[in-house]
Amino acid sequence: MYEIELDVFSGRPNPRWVLAPKEAAEFTQRVRDGSTPTVPVDASEGILGYRGFIVRASGTEAESLGGTGHAIAFRVRSGVPGASTDPSAEQFLLQGVAGPGGLTDAEASAVSEQVQWDMAQTGSLDQADLAAAGVCSLYYTSWDDFSFWNGTRKPDNNCYNYAANYASNTFAQPGKQGGQVFTALTVSAIKAAMQRDGWVLSCDTGNLRVALVIWPGVDYHFYRKNLNDAGGSRWCHKPGRTNARNRDNSGNYITNPENCDRGPYTTWGGGHVFSNGVRSRTVR
């Protein structure tokens, strides 16, 4: 059996599905003949948006791959170091994103468009939202040491966990702690869910400053502000199950999340501030 995970979201859990027997047999042959661009599961660029497919084999398929010296868990991603540039295997796997992948037709269409675009490629902050933060005493964590997040905690904590500076190990979702998870992927719906969780737009002590962005109709993402050694702004983030980092999709340090390269997360959602002292009660 092959479990396929499309590594594409930052806030929501990635879509997963199982290949049907016919597709599984074809995929086994693709891997064994060397035409599938496979790299280790952790070999991800960590960008926002499409990051490849994570494949986990079990049963007969695991025996078939293992017996010929192939890994039974790997990432399929053309163009990354160590992989070929043939995208046909990704095109093959992409066919399963709707239905079994757990996505609506509209979501599947948006995700497919982003994946297709990516494979073909082989400003000031919102003062209205952040006015209250202007006089806040902010709490910062390291802008370049992410060892806390990038070890064993990495697969179970997302951008919302990083924003709250709390590893709940539950892939936290806005609104869950407050009793009602967000019901729409809009700025207003996500912010309302955050406020139910306890995020506020006023100051306390040791506050965190975060910013929200939206992949329209598909996913959400958060950044959190830190400072570099010279005292300059360095916004950091953790895209989904990948490493926490301090760079955008173009590889640049993030001094302003409103105008950095955010991939498909094109809607700017402004900022929120909340007390670092209550973070364990804010995400779940």
Protein backbone atom coordinates (compact mmCIF):
# COMPACT_ATOMS: atom_id res chain seq x y z
CA MET A 1 0.00 0.00 0.00
CA TYR A 2 1.15 3.54 -0.73
CA GLU A 3 0.01 6.41 1.46
CA ILE A 4 0.49 9.67 -0.43
CA GLU A 5 0.79 13.01 1.36
CA LEU A 6 0.76 16.19 -0.70
CA ASP A 7 3.10 18.52 1.21
CA VAL A 8 1.48 21.85 0.41
CA PHE A 9 -0.28 23.40 3.40
CA SER A 10 1.14 25.44 6.26
CA GLY A 11 -1.75 25.72 8.70
CA ARG A 12 -4.10 22.90 7.73
CA PRO A 13 -3.05 19.24 7.78
CA ASN A 14 -1.76 18.10 4.40
CA PRO A 15 -4.14 16.03 2.24
CA ARG A 16 -3.46 12.28 2.28
CA TRP A 17 -4.82 9.34 0.33
CA VAL A 18 -3.98 5.76 -0.65
CA LEU A 19 -3.20 4.66 -4.19
CA ALA A 20 -5.55 2.14 -5.75
CA PRO A 21 -3.95 -1.26 -6.59
CA LYS A 22 -3.54 -0.47 -10.30
CA GLU A 23 -1.92 2.91 -9.61
CA ALA A 24 0.23 1.34 -6.88
CA ALA A 25 1.63 -1.23 -9.32
CA GLU A 26 2.42 1.48 -11.87
CA PHE A 27 4.06 3.67 -9.24
CA THR A 28 6.23 0.79 -8.01
CA GLN A 29 7.52 0.33 -11.55
CA ARG A 30 8.19 4.07 -11.86
CA VAL A 31 10.30 4.01 -8.70
CA ARG A 32 12.18 0.84 -9.57
CA ASP A 33 13.10 1.98 -13.08
CA GLY A 34 14.59 5.21 -11.71
CA SER A 35 12.25 7.63 -13.46
CA THR A 36 10.76 8.98 -10.21
CA PRO A 37 12.70 11.87 -8.60
CA THR A 38 12.98 10.60 -5.02
CA VAL A 39 14.85 12.22 -2.13
CA PRO A 40 14.71 11.70 1.66
CA VAL A 41 11.50 12.81 3.35
CA ASP A 42 13.31 15.66 5.12
CA ALA A 43 14.79 17.03 1.88
CA SER A 44 12.35 19.91 1.62
CA GLU A 45 12.98 23.53 0.64
CA GLY A 46 10.49 24.51 3.35
CA ILE A 47 8.87 27.15 1.16
CA LEU A 48 5.24 28.19 1.31
CA GLY A 49 3.08 26.28 -1.14
CA TYR A 50 3.98 23.08 -2.98
CA ARG A 51 6.89 21.08 -1.51
CA GLY A 52 6.42 17.71 -3.20
CA PHE A 53 4.73 14.42 -2.31
CA ILE A 54 5.68 12.32 0.71
CA VAL A 55 5.27 8.62 -0.04
CA ARG A 56 5.10 5.89 2.59
CA ALA A 57 5.03 2.26 1.45
CA SER A 58 3.80 -0.68 3.50
CA GLY A 59 2.92 -4.32 2.92
CA THR A 60 3.66 -5.78 -0.51
CA GLU A 61 4.83 -2.46 -1.93
CA ALA A 62 7.33 -1.98 0.91
CA GLU A 63 8.69 -5.49 0.34
CA SER A 64 9.01 -4.84 -3.39
CA LEU A 65 10.89 -1.57 -2.91
CA GLY A 66 13.00 -2.74 0.03
CA GLY A 67 14.00 -5.89 -1.82
CA THR A 68 15.56 -3.81 -4.58
CA GLY A 69 17.36 -1.41 -2.26
CA HIS A 70 14.86 1.44 -2.41
CA ALA A 71 13.65 3.42 0.58
CA ILE A 72 10.08 2.74 1.70
CA ALA A 73 9.47 6.36 2.76
CA PHE A 74 10.65 9.22 0.55
CA ARG A 75 9.76 12.54 -1.00
CA VAL A 76 8.90 12.89 -4.69
CA ARG A 77 10.05 16.31 -5.85
CA SER A 78 11.71 17.09 -9.16
CA GLY A 79 14.56 19.58 -9.32
CA VAL A 80 15.74 19.48 -5.70
CA PRO A 81 19.38 18.50 -5.07
CA GLY A 82 19.81 14.77 -5.55
CA ALA A 83 16.65 14.31 -7.64
CA SER A 84 15.97 14.25 -11.35
CA THR A 85 14.05 17.02 -13.10
CA ASP A 86 11.37 14.75 -14.59
CA PRO A 87 7.98 15.94 -13.26
CA SER A 88 5.91 13.10 -14.75
CA ALA A 89 5.72 11.16 -11.46
CA GLU A 90 4.40 14.25 -9.71
CA GLN A 91 1.81 14.68 -12.44
CA PHE A 92 0.84 11.04 -11.90
CA LEU A 93 0.43 11.46 -8.13
CA LEU A 94 -1.40 14.76 -8.50
CA GLN A 95 -4.35 12.93 -10.08
CA GLY A 96 -5.39 11.68 -6.63
CA VAL A 97 -5.59 15.04 -4.90
CA ALA A 98 -9.37 15.40 -5.24
CA GLY A 99 -11.84 13.06 -3.55
CA PRO A 100 -9.60 10.59 -1.71
CA GLY A 101 -7.27 13.47 -0.86
CA GLY A 102 -9.99 15.01 1.24
CA LEU A 103 -10.20 18.26 -0.73
CA THR A 104 -13.23 19.88 -2.27
CA ASP A 105 -13.22 20.36 -6.03
CA ALA A 106 -12.46 24.07 -5.59
CA GLU A 107 -9.59 23.37 -3.20
CA ALA A 108 -8.22 20.61 -5.42
CA SER A 109 -8.33 22.97 -8.41
CA ALA A 110 -6.45 25.70 -6.53
CA VAL A 111 -3.85 23.26 -5.22
CA SER A 112 -3.41 21.64 -8.64
CA GLU A 113 -2.93 25.04 -10.24
CA GLN A 114 -0.23 25.91 -7.70
CA VAL A 115 1.55 22.56 -8.17
CA GLN A 116 1.43 22.86 -11.95
CA TRP A 117 2.78 26.41 -11.80
CA ASP A 118 5.57 25.40 -9.44
CA MET A 119 6.64 22.45 -11.55
CA ALA A 120 6.78 24.75 -14.59
CA GLN A 121 9.21 27.02 -12.77
CA THR A 122 11.96 24.25 -12.01
CA GLY A 123 5.30 47.08 2.01
CA SER A 124 4.59 48.62 5.47
CA LEU A 125 2.64 46.66 8.09
CA ASP A 126 -1.10 47.11 8.56
CA GLN A 127 -1.10 50.04 10.97
CA ALA A 128 -4.82 49.72 11.74
CA ASP A 129 -4.32 46.20 13.04
CA LEU A 130 -0.95 46.80 14.69
CA ALA A 131 -1.52 50.25 16.20
CA ALA A 132 -1.98 48.72 19.63
CA ALA A 133 1.40 47.02 19.30
CA GLY A 134 3.27 50.27 18.83
CA VAL A 135 3.85 50.75 22.55
CA CYS A 136 3.92 47.06 23.50
CA SER A 137 6.86 45.40 25.16
CA LEU A 138 7.48 42.52 22.77
CA TYR A 139 8.94 39.10 23.56
CA TYR A 140 11.40 37.68 21.03
CA THR A 141 12.91 34.25 20.50
CA SER A 142 16.03 33.53 18.47
CA TRP A 143 15.90 34.69 14.87
CA ASP A 144 18.36 32.02 13.66
CA ASP A 145 18.34 29.13 16.16
CA PHE A 146 15.34 26.90 15.49
CA SER A 147 16.62 23.76 17.18
CA PHE A 148 13.62 23.69 19.53
CA TRP A 149 11.24 23.41 16.55
CA ASN A 150 13.28 21.50 14.00
CA GLY A 151 13.93 18.30 15.94
CA THR A 152 11.36 15.81 17.19
CA ARG A 153 8.66 18.51 17.43
CA LYS A 154 8.81 19.36 13.73
CA PRO A 155 6.12 17.05 12.26
CA ASP A 156 3.46 17.76 14.90
CA ASN A 157 3.57 21.56 15.09
CA ASN A 158 2.67 24.09 12.41
CA CYS A 159 2.76 27.82 11.72
CA TYR A 160 0.07 28.49 14.34
CA ASN A 161 2.12 26.71 16.99
CA TYR A 162 5.20 28.70 16.02
CA ALA A 163 3.24 31.96 16.05
CA ALA A 164 2.08 31.24 19.60
CA ASN A 165 5.55 30.06 20.63
CA TYR A 166 3.98 26.89 22.01
CA ALA A 167 4.58 23.31 20.85
CA SER A 168 1.27 21.59 21.59
CA ASN A 169 2.22 18.68 19.29
CA THR A 170 -1.34 18.74 17.94
CA PHE A 171 -0.88 20.66 14.67
CA ALA A 172 -2.94 23.41 16.30
CA GLN A 173 -5.91 24.99 14.51
CA PRO A 174 -7.31 28.51 15.07
CA GLY A 175 -10.42 28.35 17.24
CA LYS A 176 -9.99 24.81 18.56
CA GLN A 177 -8.85 25.97 22.01
CA GLY A 178 -11.77 28.41 22.08
CA GLY A 179 -14.33 25.73 21.30
CA GLN A 180 -15.01 26.43 17.62
CA VAL A 181 -12.51 25.97 14.80
CA PHE A 182 -12.63 28.52 11.96
CA THR A 183 -15.40 27.86 9.43
CA ALA A 184 -14.01 29.74 6.42
CA LEU A 185 -10.57 30.49 5.04
CA THR A 186 -10.95 34.26 5.21
CA VAL A 187 -9.09 36.87 7.22
CA SER A 188 -12.17 37.72 9.28
CA ALA A 189 -12.95 34.06 10.07
CA ILE A 190 -9.38 33.22 11.09
CA LYS A 191 -9.08 36.36 13.22
CA ALA A 192 -12.38 35.61 14.94
CA ALA A 193 -11.12 32.09 15.69
CA MET A 194 -7.87 33.50 17.07
CA GLN A 195 -9.78 35.82 19.36
CA ARG A 196 -11.84 32.88 20.63
CA ASP A 197 -8.52 31.23 21.44
CA GLY A 198 -7.42 34.24 23.49
CA TRP A 199 -5.41 36.40 21.08
CA VAL A 200 -5.94 40.10 21.70
CA LEU A 201 -5.16 43.42 20.04
CA SER A 202 -4.04 45.09 23.26
CA CYS A 203 -0.85 45.07 25.29
CA ASP A 204 0.26 43.12 28.32
CA THR A 205 3.83 42.16 29.17
CA GLY A 206 6.07 39.96 27.06
CA ASN A 207 3.79 40.14 24.02
CA LEU A 208 4.25 38.30 20.73
CA ARG A 209 3.64 40.07 17.44
CA VAL A 210 2.39 37.85 14.62
CA ALA A 211 1.05 38.36 11.11
CA LEU A 212 -1.63 36.41 9.22
CA VAL A 213 -1.77 35.67 5.49
CA ILE A 214 -4.23 33.59 3.46
CA TRP A 215 -3.95 31.37 0.40
CA PRO A 216 -7.43 32.36 -0.86
CA GLY A 217 -9.93 29.61 -0.16
CA VAL A 218 -7.22 27.03 0.53
CA ASP A 219 -5.01 27.63 3.60
CA TYR A 220 -3.68 30.14 6.14
CA HIS A 221 -0.19 30.96 7.41
CA PHE A 222 1.41 32.90 10.27
CA TYR A 223 4.69 34.74 10.82
CA ARG A 224 6.15 35.87 14.16
CA LYS A 225 8.46 38.83 14.67
CA ASN A 226 11.95 38.45 16.12
CA LEU A 227 15.05 40.67 16.04
CA ASN A 228 18.47 39.95 14.55
CA ASP A 229 21.71 40.61 16.44
CA ALA A 230 21.75 44.22 15.25
CA GLY A 231 18.19 44.85 16.41
CA GLY A 232 16.62 44.72 12.95
CA SER A 233 13.29 43.03 12.23
CA ARG A 234 13.49 39.38 11.33
CA TRP A 235 10.13 37.69 10.91
CA CYS A 236 10.22 33.91 11.18
CA HIS A 237 7.75 31.15 10.39
CA LYS A 238 7.22 27.40 10.21
CA PRO A 239 5.51 26.19 7.02
CA GLY A 240 3.45 23.17 8.03
CA ARG A 241 5.48 20.12 9.02
CA THR A 242 8.74 21.58 7.67
CA ASN A 243 11.52 23.44 9.46
CA ALA A 244 11.01 26.79 11.15
CA ARG A 245 13.01 29.41 9.27
CA ASN A 246 13.72 33.11 8.76
CA ARG A 247 13.58 33.37 4.96
CA ASP A 248 10.82 33.75 2.38
CA ASN A 249 10.16 31.74 -0.78
CA SER A 250 12.90 33.65 -2.61
CA GLY A 251 15.46 32.87 0.09
CA ASN A 252 15.53 36.41 1.48
CA TYR A 253 15.41 37.37 5.15
CA ILE A 254 11.92 38.55 6.07
CA THR A 255 11.97 42.14 7.30
CA ASN A 256 8.31 42.72 6.47
CA PRO A 257 5.88 39.84 5.86
CA GLU A 258 3.49 42.09 3.97
CA ASN A 259 5.81 42.45 0.99
CA CYS A 260 7.99 39.33 1.17
CA ASP A 261 7.66 36.41 -1.26
CA ARG A 262 4.78 34.38 0.19
CA GLY A 263 4.08 32.09 -2.77
CA PRO A 264 0.32 31.50 -3.14
CA TYR A 265 -0.52 33.15 0.21
CA THR A 266 -1.46 36.41 -1.46
CA THR A 267 -4.03 37.87 0.96
CA TRP A 268 -2.57 40.04 3.71
CA GLY A 269 -4.40 39.62 7.00
CA GLY A 270 -2.65 42.09 9.28
CA GLY A 271 -1.31 41.44 12.74
CA HIS A 272 -2.25 40.34 16.22
CA VAL A 273 -0.56 40.74 19.58
CA PHE A 274 -1.00 38.59 22.66
CA SER A 275 0.65 37.88 25.97
CA ASN A 276 3.39 35.27 25.78
CA GLY A 277 2.46 34.24 29.31
CA VAL A 278 -0.81 32.57 28.25
CA ARG A 279 0.42 30.85 25.10
CA SER A 280 -0.19 27.32 26.45
CA ARG A 281 -3.88 28.15 26.73
CA THR A 282 -4.10 29.75 23.31
CA VAL A 283 -3.44 26.96 20.81
CA ARG A 284 -4.52 23.35 20.74
